């Protein structure tokens, strides 16, 4: 999976309840440009230091959006579609 999905899911899975990090992520993204998901596909360690926190915040918010829109029970279908070459972009 792309780094944004991996990192966003990891942050979500660590929460006690879904959305615990929403305020942090929204604050971190305030005034930051939204990146194309393709730009966040590679490991975040390769990003310039000033882009790392916004990348994590965007990844988390994107995953939270997907889960809120489509439900976590549909994650296996998402992974299967991506394995077959599908894109979320």
PDB file of N, CA and C in Angstrom:
ATOM      1  N   UNK A   1       0.853  -1.184   0.000  1.00  0.00           N
ATOM      2  CA  UNK A   1       0.000   0.000   0.000  1.00  0.00           C
ATOM      3  C   UNK A   1       0.891   1.237   0.000  1.00  0.00           C
ATOM      4  N   UNK A   2       0.381   2.341  -0.501  1.00  0.00           N
ATOM      5  CA  UNK A   2       1.178   3.572  -0.471  1.00  0.00           C
ATOM      6  C   UNK A   2       1.397   4.040   0.972  1.00  0.00           C
ATOM      7  N   UNK A   3       2.449   4.807   1.158  1.00  0.00           N
ATOM      8  CA  UNK A   3       2.820   5.264   2.504  1.00  0.00           C
ATOM      9  C   UNK A   3       1.677   6.017   3.185  1.00  0.00           C
ATOM     10  N   UNK A   4       0.965   6.855   2.453  1.00  0.00           N
ATOM     11  CA  UNK A   4      -0.104   7.632   3.089  1.00  0.00           C
ATOM     12  C   UNK A   4      -1.177   6.717   3.684  1.00  0.00           C
ATOM     13  N   UNK A   5      -1.497   5.625   2.985  1.00  0.00           N
ATOM     14  CA  UNK A   5      -2.516   4.714   3.492  1.00  0.00           C
ATOM     15  C   UNK A   5      -1.981   3.931   4.686  1.00  0.00           C
ATOM     16  N   UNK A   6      -0.752   3.463   4.571  1.00  0.00           N
ATOM     17  CA  UNK A   6      -0.127   2.724   5.667  1.00  0.00           C
ATOM     18  C   UNK A   6      -0.052   3.583   6.932  1.00  0.00           C
ATOM     19  N   UNK A   7       0.463   4.792   6.798  1.00  0.00           N
ATOM     20  CA  UNK A   7       0.635   5.662   7.966  1.00  0.00           C
ATOM     21  C   UNK A   7      -0.705   6.147   8.514  1.00  0.00           C
ATOM     22  N   UNK A   8      -1.622   6.497   7.632  1.00  0.00           N
ATOM     23  CA  UNK A   8      -2.932   6.947   8.084  1.00  0.00           C
ATOM     24  C   UNK A   8      -3.694   5.854   8.824  1.00  0.00           C
ATOM     25  N   UNK A   9      -3.632   4.629   8.306  1.00  0.00           N
ATOM     26  CA  UNK A   9      -4.288   3.510   8.983  1.00  0.00           C
ATOM     27  C   UNK A   9      -3.628   3.217  10.323  1.00  0.00           C
ATOM     28  N   UNK A  10      -2.304   3.312  10.371  1.00  0.00           N
ATOM     29  CA  UNK A  10      -1.593   3.050  11.625  1.00  0.00           C
ATOM     30  C   UNK A  10      -2.012   4.062  12.688  1.00  0.00           C
ATOM     31  N   UNK A  11      -2.096   5.331  12.315  1.00  0.00           N
ATOM     32  CA  UNK A  11      -2.503   6.355  13.275  1.00  0.00           C
ATOM     33  C   UNK A  11      -3.935   6.111  13.742  1.00  0.00           C
ATOM     34  N   UNK A  12      -4.819   5.780  12.814  1.00  0.00           N
ATOM     35  CA  UNK A  12      -6.213   5.512  13.164  1.00  0.00           C
ATOM     36  C   UNK A  12      -6.327   4.295  14.081  1.00  0.00           C
ATOM     37  N   UNK A  13      -5.571   3.240  13.773  1.00  0.00           N
ATOM     38  CA  UNK A  13      -5.648   2.002  14.551  1.00  0.00           C
ATOM     39  C   UNK A  13      -5.142   2.190  15.978  1.00  0.00           C
ATOM     40  N   UNK A  14      -4.257   3.143  16.202  1.00  0.00           N
ATOM     41  CA  UNK A  14      -3.712   3.400  17.533  1.00  0.00           C
ATOM     42  C   UNK A  14      -4.665   4.191  18.428  1.00  0.00           C
ATOM     43  N   UNK A  15      -5.691   4.782  17.849  1.00  0.00           N
ATOM     44  CA  UNK A  15      -6.604   5.620  18.619  1.00  0.00           C
ATOM     45  C   UNK A  15      -7.496   4.800  19.547  1.00  0.00           C
ATOM     46  N   UNK A  16      -7.887   5.428  20.635  1.00  0.00           N
ATOM     47  CA  UNK A  16      -8.847   4.787  21.536  1.00  0.00           C
ATOM     48  C   UNK A  16     -10.235   4.822  20.913  1.00  0.00           C
ATOM     49  N   UNK A  17     -10.566   5.945  20.248  1.00  0.00           N
ATOM     50  CA  UNK A  17     -11.806   6.025  19.482  1.00  0.00           C
ATOM     51  C   UNK A  17     -11.512   6.801  18.199  1.00  0.00           C
ATOM     52  N   UNK A  18     -12.209   6.426  17.143  1.00  0.00           N
ATOM     53  CA  UNK A  18     -11.963   7.023  15.834  1.00  0.00           C
ATOM     54  C   UNK A  18     -12.134   8.534  15.881  1.00  0.00           C
ATOM     55  N   UNK A  19     -11.147   9.247  15.374  1.00  0.00           N
ATOM     56  CA  UNK A  19     -11.205  10.695  15.314  1.00  0.00           C
ATOM     57  C   UNK A  19     -10.472  11.410  16.431  1.00  0.00           C
ATOM     58  N   UNK A  20      -9.809  10.661  17.319  1.00  0.00           N
ATOM     59  CA  UNK A  20      -9.091  11.278  18.439  1.00  0.00           C
ATOM     60  C   UNK A  20      -8.042  12.289  17.978  1.00  0.00           C
ATOM     61  N   UNK A  21      -7.456  12.066  16.828  1.00  0.00           N
ATOM     62  CA  UNK A  21      -6.383  12.953  16.346  1.00  0.00           C
ATOM     63  C   UNK A  21      -6.874  13.997  15.345  1.00  0.00           C
ATOM     64  N   UNK A  22      -8.158  14.063  15.140  1.00  0.00           N
ATOM     65  CA  UNK A  22      -8.708  14.978  14.124  1.00  0.00           C
ATOM     66  C   UNK A  22      -8.286  16.426  14.373  1.00  0.00           C
ATOM     67  N   UNK A  23      -8.413  16.922  15.599  1.00  0.00           N
ATOM     68  CA  UNK A  23      -8.069  18.318  15.892  1.00  0.00           C
ATOM     69  C   UNK A  23      -6.599  18.578  15.591  1.00  0.00           C
ATOM     70  N   UNK A  24      -5.718  17.662  16.014  1.00  0.00           N
ATOM     71  CA  UNK A  24      -4.295  17.819  15.720  1.00  0.00           C
ATOM     72  C   UNK A  24      -4.060  17.876  14.216  1.00  0.00           C
ATOM     73  N   UNK A  25      -4.673  16.962  13.482  1.00  0.00           N
ATOM     74  CA  UNK A  25      -4.453  16.888  12.035  1.00  0.00           C
ATOM     75  C   UNK A  25      -4.985  18.130  11.333  1.00  0.00           C
ATOM     76  N   UNK A  26      -6.152  18.586  11.716  1.00  0.00           N
ATOM     77  CA  UNK A  26      -6.717  19.781  11.090  1.00  0.00           C
ATOM     78  C   UNK A  26      -5.874  21.011  11.397  1.00  0.00           C
ATOM     79  N   UNK A  27      -5.375  21.109  12.617  1.00  0.00           N
ATOM     80  CA  UNK A  27      -4.504  22.220  12.992  1.00  0.00           C
ATOM     81  C   UNK A  27      -3.192  22.158  12.202  1.00  0.00           C
ATOM     82  N   UNK A  28      -2.643  20.967  12.066  1.00  0.00           N
ATOM     83  CA  UNK A  28      -1.389  20.789  11.333  1.00  0.00           C
ATOM     84  C   UNK A  28      -1.559  21.152   9.864  1.00  0.00           C
ATOM     85  N   UNK A  29      -2.713  20.842   9.291  1.00  0.00           N
ATOM     86  CA  UNK A  29      -2.952  21.108   7.874  1.00  0.00           C
ATOM     87  C   UNK A  29      -3.380  22.547   7.597  1.00  0.00           C
ATOM     88  N   UNK A  30      -3.761  23.288   8.636  1.00  0.00           N
ATOM     89  CA  UNK A  30      -4.211  24.671   8.439  1.00  0.00           C
ATOM     90  C   UNK A  30      -3.133  25.477   7.720  1.00  0.00           C
ATOM     91  N   UNK A  31      -3.487  26.030   6.584  1.00  0.00           N
ATOM     92  CA  UNK A  31      -2.552  26.840   5.811  1.00  0.00           C
ATOM     93  C   UNK A  31      -1.579  26.046   4.964  1.00  0.00           C
ATOM     94  N   UNK A  32      -1.643  24.733   5.032  1.00  0.00           N
ATOM     95  CA  UNK A  32      -0.746  23.879   4.245  1.00  0.00           C
ATOM     96  C   UNK A  32      -1.440  23.473   2.940  1.00  0.00           C
ATOM     97  N   UNK A  33      -0.692  23.352   1.864  1.00  0.00           N
ATOM     98  CA  UNK A  33      -1.322  22.862   0.628  1.00  0.00           C
ATOM     99  C   UNK A  33      -1.636  21.365   0.750  1.00  0.00           C
ATOM    100  N   UNK A  34      -2.745  20.967   0.183  1.00  0.00           N
ATOM    101  CA  UNK A  34      -3.094  19.548   0.143  1.00  0.00           C
ATOM    102  C   UNK A  34      -2.296  18.917  -0.994  1.00  0.00           C
ATOM    103  N   UNK A  35      -1.613  17.834  -0.678  1.00  0.00           N
ATOM    104  CA  UNK A  35      -0.781  17.147  -1.665  1.00  0.00           C
ATOM    105  C   UNK A  35      -1.606  16.107  -2.420  1.00  0.00           C
ATOM    106  N   UNK A  36      -1.237  15.857  -3.657  1.00  0.00           N
ATOM    107  CA  UNK A  36      -1.829  14.735  -4.392  1.00  0.00           C
ATOM    108  C   UNK A  36      -1.411  13.462  -3.667  1.00  0.00           C
ATOM    109  N   UNK A  37      -2.304  12.495  -3.608  1.00  0.00           N
ATOM    110  CA  UNK A  37      -1.970  11.243  -2.916  1.00  0.00           C
ATOM    111  C   UNK A  37      -0.737  10.584  -3.512  1.00  0.00           C
ATOM    112  N   UNK A  38      -0.545  10.721  -4.795  1.00  0.00           N
ATOM    113  CA  UNK A  38       0.640  10.128  -5.435  1.00  0.00           C
ATOM    114  C   UNK A  38       1.923  10.703  -4.849  1.00  0.00           C
ATOM    115  N   UNK A  39       1.897  11.953  -4.423  1.00  0.00           N
ATOM    116  CA  UNK A  39       3.083  12.589  -3.827  1.00  0.00           C
ATOM    117  C   UNK A  39       3.372  12.049  -2.430  1.00  0.00           C
ATOM    118  N   UNK A  40       2.385  11.389  -1.824  1.00  0.00           N
ATOM    119  CA  UNK A  40       2.551  10.833  -0.479  1.00  0.00           C
ATOM    120  C   UNK A  40       2.648   9.313  -0.510  1.00  0.00           C
ATOM    121  N   UNK A  41       2.944   8.768  -1.668  1.00  0.00           N
ATOM    122  CA  UNK A  41       3.010   7.307  -1.809  1.00  0.00           C
ATOM    123  C   UNK A  41       4.332   6.731  -1.319  1.00  0.00           C
ATOM    124  N   UNK A  42       5.384   7.512  -1.387  1.00  0.00           N
ATOM    125  CA  UNK A  42       6.696   7.012  -0.962  1.00  0.00           C
ATOM    126  C   UNK A  42       6.866   7.216   0.542  1.00  0.00           C
ATOM    127  N   UNK A  43       7.840   6.539   1.151  1.00  0.00           N
ATOM    128  CA  UNK A  43       8.038   6.676   2.606  1.00  0.00           C
ATOM    129  C   UNK A  43       8.208   8.135   3.018  1.00  0.00           C
ATOM    130  N   UNK A  44       7.567   8.495   4.113  1.00  0.00           N
ATOM    131  CA  UNK A  44       7.603   9.878   4.579  1.00  0.00           C
ATOM    132  C   UNK A  44       9.004  10.304   5.004  1.00  0.00           C
ATOM    133  N   UNK A  45       9.874   9.360   5.321  1.00  0.00           N
ATOM    134  CA  UNK A  45      11.254   9.682   5.697  1.00  0.00           C
ATOM    135  C   UNK A  45      12.012  10.324   4.540  1.00  0.00           C
ATOM    136  N   UNK A  46      11.509  10.160   3.316  1.00  0.00           N
ATOM    137  CA  UNK A  46      12.176  10.750   2.154  1.00  0.00           C
ATOM    138  C   UNK A  46      11.711  12.177   1.885  1.00  0.00           C
ATOM    139  N   UNK A  47      10.720  12.641   2.636  1.00  0.00           N
ATOM    140  CA  UNK A  47      10.202  14.001   2.451  1.00  0.00           C
ATOM    141  C   UNK A  47      11.093  15.029   3.147  1.00  0.00           C
ATOM    142  N   UNK A  48      11.073  16.262   2.675  1.00  0.00           N
ATOM    143  CA  UNK A  48      11.768  17.324   3.413  1.00  0.00           C
ATOM    144  C   UNK A  48      11.191  17.415   4.827  1.00  0.00           C
ATOM    145  N   UNK A  49      12.019  17.702   5.823  1.00  0.00           N
ATOM    146  CA  UNK A  49      11.555  17.713   7.223  1.00  0.00           C
ATOM    147  C   UNK A  49      10.296  18.542   7.467  1.00  0.00           C
ATOM    148  N   UNK A  50      10.179  19.688   6.792  1.00  0.00           N
ATOM    149  CA  UNK A  50       9.010  20.549   7.016  1.00  0.00           C
ATOM    150  C   UNK A  50       7.712  19.966   6.445  1.00  0.00           C
ATOM    151  N   UNK A  51       7.821  18.931   5.612  1.00  0.00           N
ATOM    152  CA  UNK A  51       6.636  18.313   5.010  1.00  0.00           C
ATOM    153  C   UNK A  51       6.179  17.045   5.722  1.00  0.00           C
ATOM    154  N   UNK A  52       6.946  16.588   6.694  1.00  0.00           N
ATOM    155  CA  UNK A  52       6.644  15.300   7.332  1.00  0.00           C
ATOM    156  C   UNK A  52       5.359  15.363   8.162  1.00  0.00           C
ATOM    157  N   UNK A  53       5.249  16.327   9.077  1.00  0.00           N
ATOM    158  CA  UNK A  53       4.048  16.415   9.912  1.00  0.00           C
ATOM    159  C   UNK A  53       2.786  16.652   9.079  1.00  0.00           C
ATOM    160  N   UNK A  54       2.817  17.574   8.102  1.00  0.00           N
ATOM    161  CA  UNK A  54       1.635  17.717   7.249  1.00  0.00           C
ATOM    162  C   UNK A  54       1.304  16.437   6.471  1.00  0.00           C
ATOM    163  N   UNK A  55       2.312  15.676   6.085  1.00  0.00           N
ATOM    164  CA  UNK A  55       2.047  14.415   5.377  1.00  0.00           C
ATOM    165  C   UNK A  55       1.310  13.433   6.280  1.00  0.00           C
ATOM    166  N   UNK A  56       1.756  13.327   7.529  1.00  0.00           N
ATOM    167  CA  UNK A  56       1.062  12.450   8.476  1.00  0.00           C
ATOM    168  C   UNK A  56      -0.367  12.939   8.719  1.00  0.00           C
ATOM    169  N   UNK A  57      -0.527  14.229   8.879  1.00  0.00           N
ATOM    170  CA  UNK A  57      -1.859  14.784   9.122  1.00  0.00           C
ATOM    171  C   UNK A  57      -2.782  14.531   7.935  1.00  0.00           C
ATOM    172  N   UNK A  58      -2.276  14.769   6.734  1.00  0.00           N
ATOM    173  CA  UNK A  58      -3.098  14.540   5.548  1.00  0.00           C
ATOM    174  C   UNK A  58      -3.423  13.060   5.391  1.00  0.00           C
ATOM    175  N   UNK A  59      -2.455  12.199   5.642  1.00  0.00           N
ATOM    176  CA  UNK A  59      -2.695  10.758   5.545  1.00  0.00           C
ATOM    177  C   UNK A  59      -3.783  10.333   6.519  1.00  0.00           C
ATOM    178  N   UNK A  60      -3.691  10.812   7.736  1.00  0.00           N
ATOM    179  CA  UNK A  60      -4.684  10.481   8.754  1.00  0.00           C
ATOM    180  C   UNK A  60      -6.065  10.987   8.354  1.00  0.00           C
ATOM    181  N   UNK A  61      -6.156  12.249   7.939  1.00  0.00           N
ATOM    182  CA  UNK A  61      -7.451  12.811   7.566  1.00  0.00           C
ATOM    183  C   UNK A  61      -8.048  12.106   6.355  1.00  0.00           C
ATOM    184  N   UNK A  62      -7.208  11.698   5.422  1.00  0.00           N
ATOM    185  CA  UNK A  62      -7.695  10.975   4.251  1.00  0.00           C
ATOM    186  C   UNK A  62      -8.264   9.621   4.657  1.00  0.00           C
ATOM    187  N   UNK A  63      -7.549   8.907   5.504  1.00  0.00           N
ATOM    188  CA  UNK A  63      -8.027   7.609   5.979  1.00  0.00           C
ATOM    189  C   UNK A  63      -9.307   7.793   6.791  1.00  0.00           C
ATOM    190  N   UNK A  64      -9.345   8.798   7.639  1.00  0.00           N
ATOM    191  CA  UNK A  64     -10.546   9.055   8.438  1.00  0.00           C
ATOM    192  C   UNK A  64     -11.742   9.333   7.519  1.00  0.00           C
ATOM    193  N   UNK A  65     -11.535  10.110   6.484  1.00  0.00           N
ATOM    194  CA  UNK A  65     -12.592  10.381   5.520  1.00  0.00           C
ATOM    195  C   UNK A  65     -13.077   9.088   4.869  1.00  0.00           C
ATOM    196  N   UNK A  66     -12.140   8.269   4.409  1.00  0.00           N
ATOM    197  CA  UNK A  66     -12.523   7.007   3.767  1.00  0.00           C
ATOM    198  C   UNK A  66     -13.320   6.119   4.716  1.00  0.00           C
ATOM    199  N   UNK A  67     -12.869   6.034   5.954  1.00  0.00           N
ATOM    200  CA  UNK A  67     -13.562   5.192   6.926  1.00  0.00           C
ATOM    201  C   UNK A  67     -14.950   5.740   7.263  1.00  0.00           C
ATOM    202  N   UNK A  68     -15.061   7.049   7.359  1.00  0.00           N
ATOM    203  CA  UNK A  68     -16.357   7.650   7.663  1.00  0.00           C
ATOM    204  C   UNK A  68     -17.324   7.518   6.485  1.00  0.00           C
ATOM    205  N   UNK A  69     -16.806   7.593   5.271  1.00  0.00           N
ATOM    206  CA  UNK A  69     -17.650   7.502   4.086  1.00  0.00           C
ATOM    207  C   UNK A  69     -18.024   6.072   3.727  1.00  0.00           C
ATOM    208  N   UNK A  70     -17.082   5.151   3.911  1.00  0.00           N
ATOM    209  CA  UNK A  70     -17.266   3.807   3.370  1.00  0.00           C
ATOM    210  C   UNK A  70     -17.248   2.690   4.398  1.00  0.00           C
ATOM    211  N   UNK A  71     -16.941   2.982   5.659  1.00  0.00           N
ATOM    212  CA  UNK A  71     -16.981   1.999   6.731  1.00  0.00           C
ATOM    213  C   UNK A  71     -15.748   1.090   6.713  1.00  0.00           C
ATOM    214  N   UNK A  72     -15.240   0.819   7.895  1.00  0.00           N
ATOM    215  CA  UNK A  72     -14.017   0.007   8.015  1.00  0.00           C
ATOM    216  C   UNK A  72     -14.197  -1.425   7.533  1.00  0.00           C
ATOM    217  N   UNK A  73     -15.419  -1.922   7.496  1.00  0.00           N
ATOM    218  CA  UNK A  73     -15.640  -3.293   7.015  1.00  0.00           C
ATOM    219  C   UNK A  73     -15.338  -3.434   5.538  1.00  0.00           C
ATOM    220  N   UNK A  74     -15.244  -2.319   4.830  1.00  0.00           N
ATOM    221  CA  UNK A  74     -14.943  -2.364   3.398  1.00  0.00           C
ATOM    222  C   UNK A  74     -13.445  -2.271   3.109  1.00  0.00           C
ATOM    223  N   UNK A  75     -12.625  -2.161   4.143  1.00  0.00           N
ATOM    224  CA  UNK A  75     -11.172  -2.074   3.942  1.00  0.00           C
ATOM    225  C   UNK A  75     -10.610  -3.256   3.155  1.00  0.00           C
ATOM    226  N   UNK A  76     -11.003  -4.485   3.460  1.00  0.00           N
ATOM    227  CA  UNK A  76     -10.459  -5.596   2.663  1.00  0.00           C
ATOM    228  C   UNK A  76     -10.726  -5.442   1.169  1.00  0.00           C
ATOM    229  N   UNK A  77     -11.881  -4.911   0.802  1.00  0.00           N
ATOM    230  CA  UNK A  77     -12.180  -4.688  -0.622  1.00  0.00           C
ATOM    231  C   UNK A  77     -11.265  -3.619  -1.203  1.00  0.00           C
ATOM    232  N   UNK A  78     -10.984  -2.603  -0.421  1.00  0.00           N
ATOM    233  CA  UNK A  78     -10.069  -1.551  -0.859  1.00  0.00           C
ATOM    234  C   UNK A  78      -8.681  -2.130  -1.115  1.00  0.00           C
ATOM    235  N   UNK A  79      -8.185  -2.921  -0.172  1.00  0.00           N
ATOM    236  CA  UNK A  79      -6.855  -3.515  -0.334  1.00  0.00           C
ATOM    237  C   UNK A  79      -6.802  -4.431  -1.550  1.00  0.00           C
ATOM    238  N   UNK A  80      -7.849  -5.183  -1.762  1.00  0.00           N
ATOM    239  CA  UNK A  80      -7.889  -6.080  -2.925  1.00  0.00           C
ATOM    240  C   UNK A  80      -7.883  -5.289  -4.224  1.00  0.00           C
ATOM    241  N   UNK A  81      -8.658  -4.223  -4.278  1.00  0.00           N
ATOM    242  CA  UNK A  81      -8.685  -3.383  -5.485  1.00  0.00           C
ATOM    243  C   UNK A  81      -7.323  -2.753  -5.733  1.00  0.00           C
ATOM    244  N   UNK A  82      -6.661  -2.318  -4.682  1.00  0.00           N
ATOM    245  CA  UNK A  82      -5.338  -1.716  -4.851  1.00  0.00           C
ATOM    246  C   UNK A  82      -4.315  -2.764  -5.267  1.00  0.00           C
ATOM    247  N   UNK A  83      -4.452  -3.972  -4.756  1.00  0.00           N
ATOM    248  CA  UNK A  83      -3.540  -5.052  -5.130  1.00  0.00           C
ATOM    249  C   UNK A  83      -3.645  -5.326  -6.633  1.00  0.00           C
ATOM    250  N   UNK A  84      -4.843  -5.164  -7.171  1.00  0.00           N
ATOM    251  CA  UNK A  84      -5.067  -5.395  -8.598  1.00  0.00           C
ATOM    252  C   UNK A  84      -4.691  -4.186  -9.443  1.00  0.00           C
ATOM    253  N   UNK A  85      -4.140  -3.151  -8.807  1.00  0.00           N
ATOM    254  CA  UNK A  85      -3.681  -1.985  -9.575  1.00  0.00           C
ATOM    255  C   UNK A  85      -4.624  -0.808  -9.545  1.00  0.00           C
ATOM    256  N   UNK A  86      -5.689  -0.891  -8.767  1.00  0.00           N
ATOM    257  CA  UNK A  86      -6.632   0.221  -8.680  1.00  0.00           C
ATOM    258  C   UNK A  86      -5.986   1.398  -7.960  1.00  0.00           C
ATOM    259  N   UNK A  87      -6.560   2.569  -8.158  1.00  0.00           N
ATOM    260  CA  UNK A  87      -6.024   3.787  -7.553  1.00  0.00           C
ATOM    261  C   UNK A  87      -7.139   4.527  -6.828  1.00  0.00           C
ATOM    262  N   UNK A  88      -6.789   5.200  -5.749  1.00  0.00           N
ATOM    263  CA  UNK A  88      -7.753   6.043  -5.047  1.00  0.00           C
ATOM    264  C   UNK A  88      -7.710   7.482  -5.545  1.00  0.00           C
ATOM    265  N   UNK A  89      -6.698   7.792  -6.289  1.00  0.00           N
ATOM    266  CA  UNK A  89      -6.540   9.163  -6.762  1.00  0.00           C
ATOM    267  C   UNK A  89      -7.803   9.552  -7.510  1.00  0.00           C
TER     268      UNK A  89
END
